[in-house]
Amino acid sequence: MVLVRPRITEYNNIFIPQINLDFAIPLLDEDIPLFVDPFLLWKSPSYQDKSIHSSVLNSFNHLGWMTKNNKKNDAIKQIIISSECEEVGLGLSNKRKGNKISQKTANEILSLFEIIPQYNKREFTHFEEIQFYIEGISKDRISDISCNFMKSFLIDFTIDQCEKINIPMVDCVLPTLYNLEKYSFDENIKVKLPINPNSKLPIIFVPKRWLRFIPWINFDDYYKDYCPKDKINNDGEELSHIKVLNYNRNNYDMIEYYIKEKERTFEDCKNDPLFKQIPITSAKSKLNQIKKLPTGKNDNSDKKYEDLICQLMASLLYPHLDFASEQSRTESGALIRDLIFYNNQDHPFLKEIFNEYSSKQIIMEIKNVESIEREHINQLNRYMNDNFGKFGILITRNELNKSKKQNIIDLWSGQRRCIISLTDIDLEQMVELFESKQRLPLDVIKKKYVEFKRACPS
């Protein structure tokens, strides 16, 4: 079965909502757009997290010791190796593959231990500070360096999580693995880990509690609220990124002040959930906007309708349906918007949908029309194949007329395919349940399914 944005859990027929797992479920074909933030380990109340942070920091600072003790070439090799960690699948790549830093950039990083007196004397307390001096260093590099220096822990964590939920593991070889005792990378280390079924490369899990979209210590934050732009830009020219980096190298006190402020406000630093529901007030507001939209394409109302539906449904159905993707496709010259969800099967209704229609993922097609036509139904029917199973949802404005209801009943009778529709009235009921918290918005979809099955011949 070909899935949209496949995850390692669904591939191995494990259906557990992301919210119930301690790790971020890796995607098989692309990165998760989150990053390990070392500051979360530093501020953690867990002794284990603090210890891991110390070991990562010591490993990085040891590169400075090597630089100052005639071992700079070895240090350059180590920092280049540590700059990319494909096994964890974090970042912004759509191929789960990145590039290591250049030797020039590696040399610039290590030079900080020599050219900035404070690092020469006392080393780094937060190695994330390198992004304030070196071009091309940002959240993805900080995350990858962290993961490489703590990879031994991540391997143990991955094995433990796989054993808990029965994800299969195989013998494989890691090209490099940092040895904390020797302060160096060992090569070609044999381990037992889950693998990517497409690339056959090992996969390593990362605890959710360490992940953020934007690290607590970051250049954009510094530039916006702490950087003395008037001092740097005294020639009236545009303030470039390079100018700020050059200024920072000669004015460490500004970075030190920024770091102290970030440490002082550490309680505000929290990990980012992989998905966050919109507030109830926002859900009601989006529903009101939907109800006011005219049907059709005038004034771009079809696009507005699709965007509002995407935002609303992803929140209403969480956590029982993890949002997989919103995608557009062109069929017969018409643009069609689809919503796709992972079917976690943690609710009896969703389990039934999987058992009856083989739906590992559930597809929803969005149509801002006054009346659903036969071609709309046929479009969704053609998309309901082995990839998605034989269950689909039409999200539209009004109830299907009698002939179209018979059309979808005939599909069930002839091919055992199920298409149900959700209207503005159904969305309103879902938002009401979302607000009351007494029942699940998913129950509205279940109700429509029960009504559909009752109308079908036995």
Protein backbone atom coordinates (compact mmCIF):
# COMPACT_ATOMS: atom_id res chain seq x y z
CA MET A 1 0.00 0.00 0.00
CA VAL A 2 1.37 3.43 -1.00
CA LEU A 3 0.63 5.96 1.73
CA VAL A 4 0.79 9.75 1.75
CA ARG A 5 3.64 10.94 3.98
CA PRO A 6 4.13 7.40 5.31
CA ARG A 7 5.30 6.95 8.89
CA ILE A 8 7.25 4.02 10.29
CA THR A 9 4.34 3.05 12.53
CA GLU A 10 1.73 2.65 9.79
CA TYR A 11 4.23 0.83 7.60
CA ASN A 12 4.65 -1.76 10.36
CA ASN A 13 0.88 -1.96 10.99
CA ILE A 14 1.15 -0.18 14.33
CA PHE A 15 -1.66 2.29 14.85
CA ILE A 16 -1.02 4.48 17.89
CA PRO A 17 -1.77 8.23 17.96
CA GLN A 18 1.26 10.48 18.06
CA ILE A 19 0.01 11.99 21.31
CA ASN A 20 0.35 8.61 23.05
CA LEU A 21 4.00 8.06 22.12
CA ASP A 22 7.14 9.45 23.76
CA PHE A 23 8.96 9.94 20.45
CA ALA A 24 8.22 11.88 17.28
CA ILE A 25 7.04 9.31 14.73
CA PRO A 26 9.56 9.42 11.86
CA LEU A 27 8.35 9.98 8.32
CA LEU A 28 9.86 7.61 5.76
CA ASP A 29 10.24 10.00 2.82
CA GLU A 30 10.95 13.38 4.41
CA ASP A 31 12.10 15.12 7.56
CA ILE A 32 9.91 16.19 10.46
CA PRO A 33 10.15 20.02 10.59
CA LEU A 34 11.24 20.05 14.24
CA PHE A 35 14.66 20.34 15.86
CA VAL A 36 16.39 19.14 19.00
CA ASP A 37 16.89 22.15 21.24
CA PRO A 38 19.84 21.65 23.64
CA PHE A 39 18.38 24.34 25.90
CA LEU A 40 15.45 22.04 26.72
CA LEU A 41 17.94 19.52 28.12
CA TRP A 42 19.79 22.26 30.01
CA LYS A 43 16.63 23.52 31.74
CA SER A 44 15.06 20.11 32.27
CA PRO A 45 14.39 18.97 35.88
CA SER A 46 15.49 15.49 34.83
CA TYR A 47 18.99 14.54 35.97
CA GLN A 48 19.26 12.31 32.93
CA ASP A 49 18.55 15.20 30.55
CA LYS A 50 21.00 17.47 32.37
CA SER A 51 23.65 14.77 32.24
CA ILE A 52 23.13 14.30 28.49
CA HIS A 53 23.40 18.06 27.97
CA SER A 54 26.68 18.09 29.89
CA SER A 55 28.09 15.25 27.81
CA VAL A 56 27.09 16.98 24.55
CA LEU A 57 28.65 20.24 25.73
CA ASN A 58 31.82 18.51 26.92
CA SER A 59 32.12 16.73 23.58
CA PHE A 60 31.80 20.01 21.70
CA ASN A 61 34.22 21.84 24.00
CA HIS A 62 36.73 19.03 23.62
CA LEU A 63 37.02 20.12 20.00
CA GLY A 64 38.32 23.41 21.35
CA TRP A 65 40.89 21.59 23.46
CA MET A 66 42.00 19.68 20.36
CA THR A 67 42.23 22.92 18.39
CA LYS A 68 44.50 24.49 20.98
CA ASN A 69 46.66 21.38 21.32
CA ASN A 70 47.85 20.84 17.76
CA LYS A 71 44.99 18.46 16.84
CA LYS A 72 42.93 20.88 14.79
CA ASN A 73 42.77 18.64 11.72
CA ASP A 74 41.18 15.89 13.80
CA ALA A 75 38.81 18.41 15.35
CA ILE A 76 37.77 19.63 11.88
CA LYS A 77 37.03 16.05 10.85
CA GLN A 78 34.87 15.51 13.95
CA ILE A 79 32.83 18.69 13.62
CA ILE A 80 32.14 17.88 9.95
CA ILE A 81 30.94 14.38 10.87
CA SER A 82 28.70 15.77 13.62
CA SER A 83 27.06 18.38 11.36
CA GLU A 84 24.57 15.97 9.75
CA CYS A 85 22.49 13.22 11.38
CA GLU A 86 20.25 11.63 8.75
CA GLU A 87 19.09 8.79 10.99
CA VAL A 88 16.87 11.04 13.15
CA GLY A 89 15.00 12.59 10.20
CA LEU A 90 14.63 16.07 11.71
CA GLY A 91 14.78 19.24 9.66
CA LEU A 92 13.44 20.64 6.43
CA SER A 93 14.62 18.15 3.80
CA ASN A 94 11.99 16.44 1.69
CA LYS A 95 14.30 13.46 1.11
CA ARG A 96 15.58 12.66 4.62
CA LYS A 97 19.03 13.56 3.38
CA GLY A 98 21.23 16.54 4.07
CA ASN A 99 24.76 17.79 3.50
CA LYS A 100 27.58 18.17 5.98
CA ILE A 101 29.27 21.51 6.54
CA SER A 102 32.36 22.40 4.54
CA GLN A 103 35.91 22.29 5.86
CA LYS A 104 35.95 26.10 5.67
CA THR A 105 32.89 26.37 7.94
CA ALA A 106 34.32 23.76 10.30
CA ASN A 107 37.52 25.74 10.57
CA GLU A 108 35.57 28.94 11.29
CA ILE A 109 33.65 27.23 14.10
CA LEU A 110 36.80 25.95 15.75
CA SER A 111 38.51 29.32 15.39
CA LEU A 112 36.00 30.70 17.91
CA PHE A 113 37.95 28.93 20.64
CA GLU A 114 40.97 31.03 19.65
CA ILE A 115 39.70 34.43 18.52
CA ILE A 116 37.10 35.06 21.25
CA PRO A 117 38.85 35.30 24.63
CA GLN A 118 35.86 34.14 26.68
CA TYR A 119 35.65 30.83 24.83
CA ASN A 120 39.40 30.42 24.97
CA LYS A 121 39.34 30.71 28.76
CA ARG A 122 36.09 29.10 29.88
CA GLU A 123 34.74 27.38 26.75
CA PHE A 124 31.03 27.33 25.81
CA THR A 125 28.13 26.99 28.24
CA HIS A 126 25.64 26.80 25.34
CA PHE A 127 27.27 25.74 22.10
CA GLU A 128 24.22 27.13 20.22
CA GLU A 129 26.10 30.43 20.44
CA ILE A 130 28.13 29.48 17.36
CA GLN A 131 25.20 30.65 15.20
CA PHE A 132 25.89 34.24 16.30
CA TYR A 133 29.33 34.20 14.68
CA ILE A 134 29.34 31.78 11.77
CA GLU A 135 27.43 32.10 8.49
CA GLY A 136 25.34 29.05 7.58
CA ILE A 137 24.88 27.75 11.12
CA SER A 138 21.27 27.64 12.28
CA LYS A 139 18.74 25.39 13.99
CA ASP A 140 19.27 22.37 11.74
CA ARG A 141 23.03 22.28 12.41
CA ILE A 142 22.57 22.79 16.13
CA SER A 143 20.07 19.93 16.20
CA ASP A 144 22.26 17.57 14.16
CA ILE A 145 25.39 18.27 16.22
CA SER A 146 23.40 17.57 19.39
CA CYS A 147 22.03 14.30 18.00
CA ASN A 148 25.43 13.06 16.88
CA PHE A 149 27.06 13.69 20.24
CA MET A 150 24.18 11.97 22.09
CA LYS A 151 23.54 9.24 19.53
CA SER A 152 24.44 6.41 21.92
CA PHE A 153 21.60 7.49 24.21
CA LEU A 154 19.23 7.90 21.25
CA ILE A 155 20.00 4.36 20.11
CA ASP A 156 19.13 2.96 23.53
CA PHE A 157 15.97 5.07 23.58
CA THR A 158 14.99 3.83 20.11
CA ILE A 159 15.49 0.19 21.05
CA ASP A 160 13.39 0.65 24.19
CA GLN A 161 10.55 2.31 22.27
CA CYS A 162 10.61 -0.34 19.52
CA GLU A 163 10.36 -3.10 22.09
CA LYS A 164 7.42 -1.38 23.78
CA ILE A 165 5.27 -1.18 20.66
CA ASN A 166 6.76 -4.05 18.63
CA ILE A 167 8.45 -2.14 15.83
CA PRO A 168 10.79 -4.67 14.17
CA MET A 169 14.55 -4.08 14.27
CA VAL A 170 17.34 -5.58 12.20
CA ASP A 171 21.11 -5.71 12.35
CA CYS A 172 22.60 -2.72 10.55
CA VAL A 173 25.74 -0.61 10.45
CA LEU A 174 26.12 3.04 11.47
CA PRO A 175 28.92 4.77 9.52
CA THR A 176 29.96 6.70 12.65
CA LEU A 177 29.09 6.73 16.34
CA TYR A 178 30.54 9.12 18.90
CA ASN A 179 32.49 7.42 21.69
CA LEU A 180 32.09 9.45 24.88
CA GLU A 181 35.01 7.72 26.56
CA LYS A 182 37.48 8.40 23.76
CA TYR A 183 36.04 11.79 22.66
CA SER A 184 36.10 10.62 19.06
CA PHE A 185 33.95 8.93 16.42
CA ASP A 186 34.14 5.19 15.93
CA GLU A 187 33.40 3.89 12.44
CA ASN A 188 31.15 1.14 11.07
CA ILE A 189 29.38 0.25 14.31
CA LYS A 190 26.99 -2.69 14.25
CA VAL A 191 23.67 -2.03 15.98
CA LYS A 192 20.11 -3.33 15.92
CA LEU A 193 17.65 -0.63 14.86
CA PRO A 194 14.49 -0.14 12.79
CA ILE A 195 15.20 0.63 9.16
CA ASN A 196 13.59 2.70 6.46
CA PRO A 197 11.94 0.18 4.10
CA ASN A 198 12.70 2.42 1.12
CA SER A 199 16.35 3.31 1.68
CA LYS A 200 17.20 0.37 4.00
CA LEU A 201 19.01 2.89 6.22
CA PRO A 202 18.67 2.85 10.03
CA ILE A 203 16.16 5.09 11.80
CA ILE A 204 16.72 6.64 15.23
CA PHE A 205 13.92 8.05 17.41
CA VAL A 206 14.07 11.32 19.35
CA PRO A 207 12.09 12.13 22.54
CA LYS A 208 9.29 14.62 21.89
CA ARG A 209 10.22 16.55 25.02
CA TRP A 210 13.40 17.86 23.35
CA LEU A 211 11.84 19.23 20.17
CA ARG A 212 11.00 22.77 19.12
CA PHE A 213 10.18 24.45 15.83
CA ILE A 214 12.54 27.29 16.73
CA PRO A 215 15.28 26.77 19.38
CA TRP A 216 15.13 28.94 22.47
CA ILE A 217 18.49 30.49 21.63
CA ASN A 218 18.29 31.64 18.02
CA PHE A 219 19.66 34.34 15.74
CA ASP A 220 16.31 35.83 14.67
CA ASP A 221 15.31 36.40 18.29
CA TYR A 222 18.65 38.03 19.05
CA TYR A 223 18.49 40.21 15.94
CA LYS A 224 14.96 41.39 16.64
CA ASP A 225 15.17 42.31 20.33
CA TYR A 226 18.82 42.42 21.45
CA CYS A 227 21.07 43.32 18.55
CA PRO A 228 22.31 46.97 18.77
CA LYS A 229 21.44 47.80 15.18
CA ASP A 230 22.23 51.50 15.54
CA LYS A 231 25.83 50.74 16.59
CA ILE A 232 26.41 48.26 13.79
CA ASN A 233 24.73 50.25 11.04
CA ASN A 234 26.43 53.61 11.57
CA ASP A 235 27.27 54.02 7.87
CA GLY A 236 23.65 54.08 6.78
CA GLU A 237 23.96 50.98 4.64
CA GLU A 238 21.61 48.01 4.87
CA LEU A 239 22.26 45.90 7.95
CA SER A 240 23.33 42.54 6.59
CA HIS A 241 23.58 39.21 8.36
CA ILE A 242 27.36 39.21 7.84
CA LYS A 243 27.70 42.62 9.48
CA VAL A 244 25.93 41.36 12.59
CA LEU A 245 28.13 38.25 12.76
CA ASN A 246 31.29 40.36 12.45
CA TYR A 247 30.07 42.73 15.16
CA ASN A 248 29.31 39.84 17.51
CA ARG A 249 32.85 38.47 17.20
CA ASN A 250 34.24 41.71 18.58
CA ASN A 251 31.48 42.35 21.12
CA TYR A 252 30.96 39.16 23.08
CA ASP A 253 29.27 41.12 25.91
CA MET A 254 26.15 41.49 23.73
CA ILE A 255 25.89 37.72 23.25
CA GLU A 256 26.57 37.15 26.93
CA TYR A 257 23.74 39.53 27.89
CA TYR A 258 21.37 37.78 25.48
CA ILE A 259 22.26 34.33 26.86
CA LYS A 260 21.74 35.48 30.45
CA GLU A 261 18.31 36.82 29.53
CA LYS A 262 17.36 33.52 27.90
CA GLU A 263 18.54 31.63 30.97
CA ARG A 264 16.62 33.99 33.25
CA THR A 265 13.37 33.31 31.38
CA PHE A 266 14.00 29.55 31.03
CA GLU A 267 10.57 28.63 32.42
CA ASP A 268 9.00 30.03 29.25
CA CYS A 269 10.93 27.55 27.14
CA LYS A 270 8.75 24.51 26.45
CA ASN A 271 8.84 21.80 23.84
CA ASP A 272 6.56 22.23 20.84
CA PRO A 273 3.87 19.61 20.22
CA LEU A 274 3.90 18.08 16.76
CA PHE A 275 0.32 19.30 16.36
CA LYS A 276 -1.64 21.85 18.35
CA GLN A 277 -5.40 22.23 18.21
CA ILE A 278 -6.87 25.63 17.52
CA PRO A 279 -8.74 27.24 20.46
CA ILE A 280 -12.51 26.84 20.72
CA THR A 281 -13.03 30.51 19.89
CA SER A 282 -10.98 30.08 16.72
CA ALA A 283 -12.99 27.01 15.73
CA LYS A 284 -16.23 28.94 16.12
CA SER A 285 -14.81 31.86 14.18
CA LYS A 286 -13.73 29.63 11.29
CA LEU A 287 -17.17 28.00 11.23
CA ASN A 288 -18.83 31.41 11.01
CA GLN A 289 -16.52 32.37 8.14
CA ILE A 290 -17.42 29.14 6.34
CA LYS A 291 -21.15 29.72 6.71
CA LYS A 292 -20.84 33.26 5.30
CA LEU A 293 -18.93 32.16 2.20
CA PRO A 294 -20.89 31.91 -1.05
CA THR A 295 -20.65 28.69 -3.00
CA GLY A 296 -18.64 28.58 -6.20
CA LYS A 297 -15.39 30.29 -7.16
CA ASN A 298 -16.29 33.99 -7.14
CA ASP A 299 -13.93 36.16 -5.10
CA ASN A 300 -11.75 33.10 -4.52
CA SER A 301 -14.37 31.69 -2.16
CA ASP A 302 -13.54 28.07 -3.08
CA LYS A 303 -9.93 28.53 -1.96
CA LYS A 304 -11.03 30.30 1.23
CA TYR A 305 -13.45 27.46 1.95
CA GLU A 306 -10.75 24.84 1.45
CA ASP A 307 -8.27 26.63 3.71
CA LEU A 308 -10.83 27.05 6.50
CA ILE A 309 -11.91 23.41 6.26
CA CYS A 310 -8.29 22.23 6.44
CA GLN A 311 -7.60 24.22 9.60
CA LEU A 312 -10.89 23.26 11.23
CA MET A 313 -10.94 19.52 10.52
CA ALA A 314 -7.33 18.94 11.56
CA SER A 315 -8.21 20.26 15.03
CA LEU A 316 -11.71 18.78 15.39
CA LEU A 317 -10.51 15.24 14.71
CA TYR A 318 -7.30 15.35 16.76
CA PRO A 319 -5.92 13.16 18.37
CA HIS A 320 -7.91 10.21 16.99
CA LEU A 321 -6.97 11.15 13.44
CA ASP A 322 -3.46 12.56 13.04
CA PHE A 323 -3.31 15.06 10.21
CA ALA A 324 -1.16 13.70 7.38
CA SER A 325 -1.41 16.17 4.53
CA GLU A 326 -3.43 18.63 2.56
CA GLN A 327 -2.76 18.30 -1.12
CA SER A 328 -4.12 19.54 -4.40
CA ARG A 329 -4.45 17.55 -7.58
CA THR A 330 -5.66 18.42 -11.07
CA GLU A 331 -8.20 16.17 -12.72
CA SER A 332 -9.96 17.07 -15.95
CA GLY A 333 -8.66 20.61 -15.58
CA ALA A 334 -10.25 21.12 -12.16
CA LEU A 335 -8.27 21.77 -9.00
CA ILE A 336 -9.30 19.42 -6.21
CA ARG A 337 -8.27 19.77 -2.59
CA ASP A 338 -7.87 16.66 -0.49
CA LEU A 339 -7.42 16.22 3.24
CA ILE A 340 -5.65 13.07 4.33
CA PHE A 341 -5.49 11.67 7.86
CA TYR A 342 -3.64 8.78 9.45
CA ASN A 343 -6.17 6.29 10.78
CA ASN A 344 -4.83 5.50 14.26
CA GLN A 345 -7.66 3.01 14.88
CA ASP A 346 -7.78 3.92 18.58
CA HIS A 347 -11.55 4.43 18.43
CA PRO A 348 -14.01 1.56 17.73
CA PHE A 349 -15.51 3.43 14.78
CA LEU A 350 -12.09 4.00 13.18
CA LYS A 351 -11.18 0.38 13.77
CA GLU A 352 -14.38 -0.62 11.98
CA ILE A 353 -13.52 1.63 9.04
CA PHE A 354 -10.15 -0.07 8.75
CA ASN A 355 -11.57 -3.57 9.02
CA GLU A 356 -14.38 -2.94 6.56
CA TYR A 357 -12.60 -0.76 3.98
CA SER A 358 -8.82 -1.30 4.54
CA SER A 359 -8.33 2.40 5.28
CA LYS A 360 -4.90 3.02 6.81
CA GLN A 361 -5.47 6.61 5.77
CA ILE A 362 -8.75 8.47 5.37
CA ILE A 363 -9.24 10.86 2.48
CA MET A 364 -11.63 13.81 2.52
CA GLU A 365 -12.44 15.83 -0.58
CA ILE A 366 -13.50 19.45 -0.22
CA LYS A 367 -16.07 20.92 -2.63
CA ASN A 368 -17.50 24.41 -2.19
CA VAL A 369 -20.51 23.88 -4.45
CA GLU A 370 -24.23 24.46 -4.09
CA SER A 371 -24.97 20.90 -5.15
CA ILE A 372 -22.74 17.85 -5.47
CA GLU A 373 -22.73 16.44 -9.00
CA ARG A 374 -22.16 12.88 -10.14
CA GLU A 375 -18.67 13.81 -11.39
CA HIS A 376 -17.67 14.98 -7.90
CA ILE A 377 -18.59 11.58 -6.54
CA ASN A 378 -16.78 9.84 -9.37
CA GLN A 379 -13.64 11.88 -8.71
CA LEU A 380 -13.50 10.75 -5.09
CA ASN A 381 -14.39 7.20 -6.09
CA ARG A 382 -11.43 7.08 -8.50
CA TYR A 383 -9.16 8.26 -5.69
CA MET A 384 -10.39 5.53 -3.33
CA ASN A 385 -8.01 2.75 -4.33
CA ASP A 386 -5.51 0.47 -2.64
CA ASN A 387 -3.61 3.53 -1.42
CA PHE A 388 -6.44 4.80 0.76
CA GLY A 389 -8.92 1.98 1.07
CA LYS A 390 -12.58 2.20 0.11
CA PHE A 391 -13.85 4.83 2.54
CA GLY A 392 -14.01 8.52 1.70
CA ILE A 393 -15.67 11.71 2.88
CA LEU A 394 -17.09 14.56 0.79
CA ILE A 395 -17.05 17.88 2.65
CA THR A 396 -19.51 20.22 0.96
CA ARG A 397 -22.10 22.87 1.76
CA ASN A 398 -25.45 21.12 1.49
CA GLU A 399 -26.98 17.67 1.82
CA LEU A 400 -26.83 15.43 -1.26
CA ASN A 401 -30.05 15.26 -3.26
CA LYS A 402 -31.95 12.02 -3.68
CA SER A 403 -30.27 10.94 -6.93
CA LYS A 404 -26.75 11.53 -5.57
CA LYS A 405 -27.57 9.63 -2.39
CA GLN A 406 -28.66 6.74 -4.60
CA ASN A 407 -25.40 7.12 -6.53
CA ILE A 408 -23.25 6.48 -3.45
CA ILE A 409 -25.55 3.66 -2.31
CA ASP A 410 -25.06 2.01 -5.70
CA LEU A 411 -21.28 2.30 -5.24
CA TRP A 412 -21.57 0.45 -1.95
CA SER A 413 -23.86 -2.19 -3.42
CA GLY A 414 -21.64 -2.87 -6.42
CA GLN A 415 -18.12 -2.32 -5.07
CA ARG A 416 -18.51 -2.10 -1.28
CA ARG A 417 -17.17 1.46 -1.36
CA CYS A 418 -18.42 3.94 1.21
CA ILE A 419 -18.72 7.69 0.62
CA ILE A 420 -20.39 9.89 3.21
CA SER A 421 -20.89 13.64 3.11
CA LEU A 422 -20.41 16.35 5.72
CA THR A 423 -22.31 19.61 5.33
CA ASP A 424 -22.30 23.01 7.01
CA ILE A 425 -24.85 21.65 9.50
CA ASP A 426 -22.59 18.69 10.32
CA LEU A 427 -19.61 21.00 10.81
CA GLU A 428 -21.69 23.11 13.17
CA GLN A 429 -22.51 20.02 15.24
CA MET A 430 -18.83 19.05 15.31
CA VAL A 431 -17.82 22.49 16.56
CA GLU A 432 -20.53 22.33 19.24
CA LEU A 433 -19.13 19.00 20.47
CA PHE A 434 -15.60 20.42 20.31
CA GLU A 435 -16.75 23.28 22.53
CA SER A 436 -18.73 21.21 25.04
CA LYS A 437 -16.06 18.47 25.41
CA GLN A 438 -18.86 16.07 26.35
CA ARG A 439 -18.57 14.00 23.18
CA LEU A 440 -16.15 13.71 20.28
CA PRO A 441 -16.62 15.62 17.01
CA LEU A 442 -15.78 12.26 15.43
CA ASP A 443 -19.21 11.06 16.61
CA VAL A 444 -20.81 13.24 13.93
CA ILE A 445 -18.93 11.32 11.23
CA LYS A 446 -19.94 8.08 12.91
CA LYS A 447 -23.59 9.20 12.88
CA LYS A 448 -23.43 9.98 9.16
CA TYR A 449 -21.86 6.58 8.54
CA VAL A 450 -24.62 4.80 10.49
CA GLU A 451 -27.25 6.70 8.50
CA PHE A 452 -25.52 5.70 5.27
CA LYS A 453 -25.37 2.02 6.21
CA ARG A 454 -29.07 2.03 7.17
CA ALA A 455 -29.92 3.31 3.70
CA CYS A 456 -27.88 0.60 2.01
CA PRO A 457 -29.53 -2.73 1.08
CA SER A 458 -28.75 -5.54 3.48
